[in-house]
């Protein structure tokens, strides 16, 4: 599948320099100013935006904020490229809403990896929400496995402090011996009991974030994470996106 990429740069020459670093597998569109950007976004389904603010980083921050604040484009991954690479510029780029900031020389391999990762991860999130809407993400009732999985998840989430649950405690709640519980979980999910416990908490967190009623910190506490940073890292590992981005994309898809 060919993905559409919008390149925003101050001149045709700069656009050409970057275009030469991008794989021919992408369909490229270019824009110099905001009216041109809006025209491209209205006429084509853009999968990724790359903005070159080489000499004026502030221009890139402004452009990023504009696109991320518009429901039409807020879901599109945004890469901001600047000439300088410093902690201050990096932080400002992320605060503006950029998904990736590249400072200094742009290496073809690095840029290509960022592009592939951003597009792939956004696709996974979109599929996840589509399955949820169609009810396809439910565990099937097959040989009683769906019922067991729901029972396991219910046991994990029924505790006031899910982060403190042990495998022995879960086995008692399921009225099974520890070895039996381990075998059943491995047979159904190919996960260890501890991995299943953590996955159940993260899936519940995703549901709560999708509802849009709670802040990320509140959701972390509700599913038993005492540390927001630990929750963020675990969520990112599971869903390939941060909790805040996940919640923002759900709102955008609901409004579409």
Protein backbone atom coordinates (compact mmCIF):
# COMPACT_ATOMS: atom_id res chain seq x y z
CA UNK A 1 0.00 0.00 0.00
CA UNK A 2 1.34 3.42 -0.99
CA UNK A 3 1.17 6.00 1.80
CA UNK A 4 0.75 9.72 1.21
CA UNK A 5 3.31 12.03 2.82
CA UNK A 6 3.05 15.82 3.00
CA UNK A 7 6.34 17.73 3.04
CA UNK A 8 6.19 21.27 4.42
CA UNK A 9 9.26 23.38 3.65
CA UNK A 10 10.00 27.09 3.03
CA UNK A 11 11.21 26.62 -0.55
CA UNK A 12 11.13 24.23 -3.50
CA UNK A 13 14.86 23.67 -3.10
CA UNK A 14 14.53 22.51 0.50
CA UNK A 15 11.57 20.32 -0.44
CA UNK A 16 13.67 18.69 -3.15
CA UNK A 17 16.53 17.97 -0.74
CA UNK A 18 14.22 16.13 1.64
CA UNK A 19 12.27 14.38 -1.11
CA UNK A 20 15.50 12.81 -2.33
CA UNK A 21 15.96 11.21 1.10
CA UNK A 22 12.53 9.55 1.10
CA UNK A 23 11.80 6.15 -0.38
CA UNK A 24 9.99 6.02 -3.72
CA UNK A 25 7.43 3.80 -1.96
CA UNK A 26 5.72 6.97 -0.70
CA UNK A 27 3.51 9.35 -2.65
CA UNK A 28 4.83 12.84 -1.88
CA UNK A 29 2.92 16.11 -1.71
CA UNK A 30 4.48 19.49 -0.92
CA UNK A 31 3.37 22.78 0.57
CA UNK A 32 5.07 26.06 1.47
CA UNK A 33 2.42 27.93 3.46
CA UNK A 34 -0.75 27.24 5.46
CA UNK A 35 -3.24 27.75 2.59
CA UNK A 36 -1.31 25.23 0.49
CA UNK A 37 -1.23 22.82 3.44
CA UNK A 38 -5.02 23.01 3.83
CA UNK A 39 -5.52 22.43 0.12
CA UNK A 40 -3.45 19.24 0.18
CA UNK A 41 -5.21 17.97 3.32
CA UNK A 42 -8.64 18.54 1.77
CA UNK A 43 -7.78 16.89 -1.54
CA UNK A 44 -5.70 13.91 -0.36
CA UNK A 45 -5.76 11.44 2.58
CA UNK A 46 -2.40 12.24 4.17
CA UNK A 47 -0.75 9.54 6.31
CA UNK A 48 2.25 11.54 7.56
CA UNK A 49 3.44 15.16 7.72
CA UNK A 50 7.11 16.15 7.67
CA UNK A 51 7.90 19.78 8.41
CA UNK A 52 11.33 21.30 7.78
CA UNK A 53 11.88 24.33 10.00
CA UNK A 54 15.59 24.39 9.37
CA UNK A 55 16.42 28.01 10.14
CA UNK A 56 13.33 29.01 12.13
CA UNK A 57 12.20 26.32 14.60
CA UNK A 58 9.39 28.59 15.86
CA UNK A 59 7.75 28.31 12.44
CA UNK A 60 7.71 24.54 12.81
CA UNK A 61 6.23 24.72 16.30
CA UNK A 62 3.46 27.00 15.04
CA UNK A 63 2.69 24.75 12.08
CA UNK A 64 2.57 21.69 14.31
CA UNK A 65 0.21 23.34 16.80
CA UNK A 66 -2.11 24.40 13.99
CA UNK A 67 -2.39 20.91 12.54
CA UNK A 68 -2.65 19.17 15.91
CA UNK A 69 -5.44 21.52 17.04
CA UNK A 70 -7.56 20.86 13.94
CA UNK A 71 -9.81 17.77 14.01
CA UNK A 72 -9.15 17.24 10.31
CA UNK A 73 -5.41 16.76 10.82
CA UNK A 74 -4.84 16.16 14.55
CA UNK A 75 -4.54 12.39 14.08
CA UNK A 76 -1.82 12.61 11.40
CA UNK A 77 1.70 11.76 12.65
CA UNK A 78 4.00 14.79 12.54
CA UNK A 79 7.80 14.81 12.14
CA UNK A 80 9.56 18.11 12.81
CA UNK A 81 13.07 18.61 11.43
CA UNK A 82 15.34 21.44 12.63
CA UNK A 83 18.94 22.34 11.88
CA UNK A 84 19.98 22.43 15.54
CA UNK A 85 19.66 19.64 18.05
CA UNK A 86 19.35 20.74 21.67
CA UNK A 87 17.28 19.66 24.65
CA UNK A 88 15.37 22.95 24.60
CA UNK A 89 14.40 22.61 20.93
CA UNK A 90 13.51 18.95 21.42
CA UNK A 91 11.20 19.74 24.35
CA UNK A 92 9.53 22.60 22.49
CA UNK A 93 8.93 20.34 19.49
CA UNK A 94 7.25 17.70 21.64
CA UNK A 95 5.22 20.32 23.52
CA UNK A 96 3.99 21.63 20.17
CA UNK A 97 2.63 18.16 19.45
CA UNK A 98 5.32 16.68 17.20
CA UNK A 99 5.44 12.89 17.32
CA UNK A 100 9.11 12.88 16.35
CA UNK A 101 11.78 15.61 16.37
CA UNK A 102 14.93 15.23 14.29
CA UNK A 103 17.71 17.75 14.90
CA UNK A 104 20.89 18.15 12.91
CA UNK A 105 21.72 16.12 9.79
CA UNK A 106 18.90 14.00 8.40
CA UNK A 107 20.01 10.45 7.69
CA UNK A 108 17.95 8.50 5.18
CA UNK A 109 17.85 5.30 7.27
CA UNK A 110 16.80 7.12 10.44
CA UNK A 111 14.08 9.11 8.70
CA UNK A 112 12.75 6.01 6.97
CA UNK A 113 12.57 4.11 10.27
CA UNK A 114 10.64 6.94 11.95
CA UNK A 115 8.23 7.15 9.02
CA UNK A 116 7.53 3.42 8.98
CA UNK A 117 7.04 3.25 12.74
CA UNK A 118 4.64 6.19 12.91
CA UNK A 119 2.48 5.00 10.02
CA UNK A 120 2.43 1.40 11.27
CA UNK A 121 1.50 2.37 14.83
CA UNK A 122 -1.30 4.70 13.71
CA UNK A 123 -2.65 1.88 11.57
CA UNK A 124 -2.70 -0.48 14.54
CA UNK A 125 -4.59 2.03 16.67
CA UNK A 126 -7.14 2.58 13.90
CA UNK A 127 -7.69 -1.18 13.57
CA UNK A 128 -8.07 -1.49 17.32
CA UNK A 129 -10.83 1.11 17.47
CA UNK A 130 -12.56 -0.37 14.43
CA UNK A 131 -12.60 -3.82 16.04
CA UNK A 132 -13.91 -2.38 19.28
CA UNK A 133 -16.73 -0.65 17.42
CA UNK A 134 -17.63 -3.89 15.63
CA UNK A 135 -17.27 -6.00 18.76
CA UNK A 136 -14.53 -8.07 17.12
CA UNK A 137 -12.03 -7.70 19.94
CA UNK A 138 -14.02 -9.92 22.27
CA UNK A 139 -12.50 -13.26 23.21
CA UNK A 140 -14.49 -15.97 21.36
CA UNK A 141 -16.49 -18.59 23.23
CA UNK A 142 -14.42 -21.53 22.08
CA UNK A 143 -13.99 -24.61 24.30
CA UNK A 144 -14.81 -22.42 27.30
CA UNK A 145 -11.70 -20.30 26.75
CA UNK A 146 -13.58 -17.04 26.35
CA UNK A 147 -15.39 -17.58 29.62
CA UNK A 148 -12.17 -18.39 31.46
CA UNK A 149 -10.46 -15.30 30.06
CA UNK A 150 -13.29 -13.03 31.14
CA UNK A 151 -13.28 -14.62 34.57
CA UNK A 152 -9.53 -14.10 34.90
CA UNK A 153 -9.80 -10.48 33.82
CA UNK A 154 -12.70 -9.89 36.19
CA UNK A 155 -10.71 -11.31 39.10
CA UNK A 156 -7.73 -9.08 38.38
CA UNK A 157 -9.80 -5.91 38.06
CA UNK A 158 -12.07 -6.65 41.03
CA UNK A 159 -9.28 -5.92 43.50
CA UNK A 160 -8.82 -2.49 45.02
CA UNK A 161 -5.09 -2.70 44.38
CA UNK A 162 -4.51 -4.75 41.20
CA UNK A 163 -0.77 -3.99 41.19
CA UNK A 164 -0.41 -6.07 44.34
CA UNK A 165 -2.14 -9.19 43.05
CA UNK A 166 -0.03 -12.34 43.11
CA UNK A 167 -0.33 -15.51 41.06
CA UNK A 168 -1.24 -17.43 44.23
CA UNK A 169 -4.01 -14.95 44.98
CA UNK A 170 -5.36 -15.21 41.44
CA UNK A 171 -5.29 -19.01 41.65
CA UNK A 172 -7.36 -18.93 44.84
CA UNK A 173 -9.89 -16.58 43.27
CA UNK A 174 -10.18 -18.93 40.29
CA UNK A 175 -10.45 -21.97 42.60
CA UNK A 176 -7.46 -23.60 40.95
CA UNK A 177 -4.05 -24.74 42.03
CA UNK A 178 -1.13 -22.57 40.95
CA UNK A 179 0.17 -25.18 38.42
CA UNK A 180 -3.32 -25.63 36.94
CA UNK A 181 -3.78 -21.88 36.58
CA UNK A 182 -0.38 -21.55 34.92
CA UNK A 183 -1.16 -24.33 32.41
CA UNK A 184 -4.57 -22.90 31.53
CA UNK A 185 -3.25 -19.40 30.99
CA UNK A 186 -0.36 -20.63 28.84
CA UNK A 187 -2.73 -22.81 26.82
CA UNK A 188 -5.16 -19.98 26.12
CA UNK A 189 -2.90 -16.97 25.77
CA UNK A 190 0.73 -18.16 25.60
CA UNK A 191 1.37 -15.66 28.40
CA UNK A 192 2.62 -16.19 31.92
CA UNK A 193 0.15 -15.39 34.74
CA UNK A 194 2.02 -12.17 35.58
CA UNK A 195 1.96 -11.10 31.92
CA UNK A 196 -1.77 -11.80 31.78
CA UNK A 197 -2.40 -9.77 34.92
CA UNK A 198 -0.56 -6.79 33.45
CA UNK A 199 -2.30 -7.13 30.08
CA UNK A 200 -5.72 -7.21 31.76
CA UNK A 201 -4.92 -3.96 33.58
CA UNK A 202 -3.72 -2.30 30.38
CA UNK A 203 -6.78 -3.39 28.39
CA UNK A 204 -9.01 -1.96 31.08
CA UNK A 205 -6.94 1.24 30.98
CA UNK A 206 -7.50 1.45 27.21
CA UNK A 207 -11.26 1.12 27.74
CA UNK A 208 -11.26 3.89 30.35
CA UNK A 209 -9.15 6.18 28.18
CA UNK A 210 -11.48 5.57 25.23
CA UNK A 211 -14.45 6.69 27.33
CA UNK A 212 -12.81 10.11 27.66
CA UNK A 213 -14.14 10.67 31.17
CA UNK A 214 -10.85 10.42 33.05
CA UNK A 215 -7.38 11.92 32.86
CA UNK A 216 -4.40 9.67 32.19
CA UNK A 217 -3.20 9.92 35.80
CA UNK A 218 -6.64 8.92 37.07
CA UNK A 219 -6.78 5.92 34.76
CA UNK A 220 -3.33 4.80 35.89
CA UNK A 221 -4.50 4.76 39.50
CA UNK A 222 -7.81 3.08 38.66
CA UNK A 223 -6.06 0.07 37.14
CA UNK A 224 -3.52 -0.17 39.93
CA UNK A 225 -0.43 1.69 38.73
CA UNK A 226 1.13 3.73 41.51
CA UNK A 227 3.67 5.30 39.16
CA UNK A 228 2.45 7.34 36.14
CA UNK A 229 5.79 6.81 34.37
CA UNK A 230 5.54 3.04 34.84
CA UNK A 231 2.00 3.12 33.47
CA UNK A 232 3.09 5.17 30.47
CA UNK A 233 5.95 2.83 29.63
CA UNK A 234 3.79 -0.29 29.99
CA UNK A 235 0.99 1.21 27.90
CA UNK A 236 3.42 2.29 25.19
CA UNK A 237 4.92 -1.20 25.05
CA UNK A 238 1.49 -2.84 24.79
CA UNK A 239 -0.23 -0.47 22.34
CA UNK A 240 2.77 1.21 20.63
CA UNK A 241 1.45 4.65 21.55
CA UNK A 242 1.29 6.81 24.69
CA UNK A 243 -1.91 6.89 26.78
CA UNK A 244 -2.50 10.57 25.94
CA UNK A 245 -2.16 9.97 22.20
CA UNK A 246 -4.44 6.94 22.42
CA UNK A 247 -7.12 8.99 24.14
CA UNK A 248 -6.76 11.88 21.70
CA UNK A 249 -7.07 9.63 18.65
CA UNK A 250 -10.23 8.02 20.04
CA UNK A 251 -11.84 11.45 20.40
CA UNK A 252 -10.86 12.34 16.84
CA UNK A 253 -12.29 9.10 15.42
CA UNK A 254 -15.55 9.60 17.33
CA UNK A 255 -15.86 13.11 15.92
CA UNK A 256 -15.14 11.99 12.35
